[in-house]
């Protein structure tokens, strides 16, 4: 690996152990792991954003407004519900006295 033998790698690991200590090495490894995880998550977010930007977004078709006989039936139903004091999803205001 990188032109180094087993003994050179072992000596480097022993020097790292002596410099940082046995208690500090797991903390450093944990911090490194968290950093890599955050980096991967950020890369996924960017890739998802790029993919969604490249695809056209489909919007739902607009709702059609009821006209004619259907409109008067809907209006009378809304009026009777409001008169009974039932709150409407479309009309969150309470009925007026």
Protein backbone atom coordinates (compact mmCIF):
# COMPACT_ATOMS: atom_id res chain seq x y z
CA UNK A 1 0.00 0.00 0.00
CA UNK A 2 1.57 3.30 -1.21
CA UNK A 3 4.95 1.58 -1.46
CA UNK A 4 5.06 0.90 2.28
CA UNK A 5 5.48 -2.46 3.94
CA UNK A 6 3.73 -3.85 6.97
CA UNK A 7 6.43 -2.68 9.37
CA UNK A 8 6.29 0.93 8.20
CA UNK A 9 2.50 1.03 8.65
CA UNK A 10 2.83 -0.52 12.10
CA UNK A 11 5.45 2.06 13.14
CA UNK A 12 3.23 4.91 11.89
CA UNK A 13 0.26 3.55 13.90
CA UNK A 14 2.40 3.28 17.05
CA UNK A 15 3.60 6.89 16.61
CA UNK A 16 -0.01 8.06 16.18
CA UNK A 17 -0.96 6.15 19.33
CA UNK A 18 1.87 7.78 21.28
CA UNK A 19 1.13 11.29 20.01
CA UNK A 20 -2.64 11.31 20.48
CA UNK A 21 -3.12 8.70 23.19
CA UNK A 22 -5.48 5.76 23.40
CA UNK A 23 -8.34 7.91 24.74
CA UNK A 24 -8.24 10.52 21.99
CA UNK A 25 -8.11 8.20 18.94
CA UNK A 26 -11.71 6.85 19.24
CA UNK A 27 -13.00 10.43 19.65
CA UNK A 28 -11.17 11.48 16.50
CA UNK A 29 -12.51 8.48 14.59
CA UNK A 30 -16.05 9.23 15.77
CA UNK A 31 -15.75 12.86 14.64
CA UNK A 32 -14.38 11.74 11.29
CA UNK A 33 -17.30 9.31 10.86
CA UNK A 34 -19.85 12.03 11.64
CA UNK A 35 -18.19 14.36 9.16
CA UNK A 36 -18.29 11.75 6.43
CA UNK A 37 -21.98 11.03 7.18
CA UNK A 38 -22.88 14.72 6.96
CA UNK A 39 -20.93 15.07 3.72
CA UNK A 40 -22.75 12.11 2.16
CA UNK A 41 -26.12 13.49 3.28
CA UNK A 42 -25.33 16.87 1.76
CA UNK A 43 -24.28 15.20 -1.49
CA UNK A 44 -27.57 13.26 -1.61
CA UNK A 45 -29.56 16.45 -1.03
CA UNK A 46 -27.73 18.22 -3.87
CA UNK A 47 -28.23 15.25 -6.19
CA UNK A 48 -31.95 15.11 -5.35
CA UNK A 49 -32.26 18.84 -5.93
CA UNK A 50 -30.52 18.55 -9.30
CA UNK A 51 -32.74 15.62 -10.31
CA UNK A 52 -35.94 17.42 -9.33
CA UNK A 53 -34.82 20.60 -11.08
CA UNK A 54 -34.24 18.65 -14.30
CA UNK A 55 -37.67 17.03 -14.34
CA UNK A 56 -40.76 19.10 -15.08
CA UNK A 57 -43.10 19.40 -12.14
CA UNK A 58 -46.65 18.28 -12.75
CA UNK A 59 -49.29 20.49 -11.23
CA UNK A 60 -52.76 19.19 -10.47
CA UNK A 61 -55.46 20.42 -12.84
CA UNK A 62 -57.39 23.43 -11.54
CA UNK A 63 -60.74 22.71 -9.94
CA UNK A 64 -63.68 23.63 -12.08
CA UNK A 65 -66.16 26.13 -10.74
CA UNK A 66 -69.69 24.77 -10.58
CA UNK A 67 -72.11 26.68 -12.77
CA UNK A 68 -75.79 26.46 -13.46
CA UNK A 69 -78.04 24.15 -11.41
CA UNK A 70 -75.08 22.63 -9.59
CA UNK A 71 -73.94 26.05 -8.39
CA UNK A 72 -77.30 26.89 -6.83
CA UNK A 73 -77.45 23.49 -5.10
CA UNK A 74 -73.96 23.99 -3.66
CA UNK A 75 -74.81 27.51 -2.51
CA UNK A 76 -77.98 26.39 -0.72
CA UNK A 77 -76.11 23.53 0.96
CA UNK A 78 -73.40 25.92 2.19
CA UNK A 79 -75.99 28.40 3.39
CA UNK A 80 -77.96 25.80 5.35
CA UNK A 81 -74.75 24.42 6.89
CA UNK A 82 -73.69 27.93 7.93
CA UNK A 83 -77.13 28.64 9.32
CA UNK A 84 -76.82 25.52 11.48
CA UNK A 85 -73.49 26.83 12.83
CA UNK A 86 -71.35 24.17 11.17
CA UNK A 87 -67.91 25.57 10.27
CA UNK A 88 -66.88 25.07 6.67
CA UNK A 89 -63.41 24.15 5.41
CA UNK A 90 -63.67 26.84 2.74
CA UNK A 91 -65.16 29.37 5.10
CA UNK A 92 -63.49 29.22 8.54
CA UNK A 93 -65.47 32.27 9.74
CA UNK A 94 -68.32 31.56 12.20
CA UNK A 95 -71.85 32.35 11.07
CA UNK A 96 -72.95 35.92 11.61
CA UNK A 97 -75.91 36.61 13.87
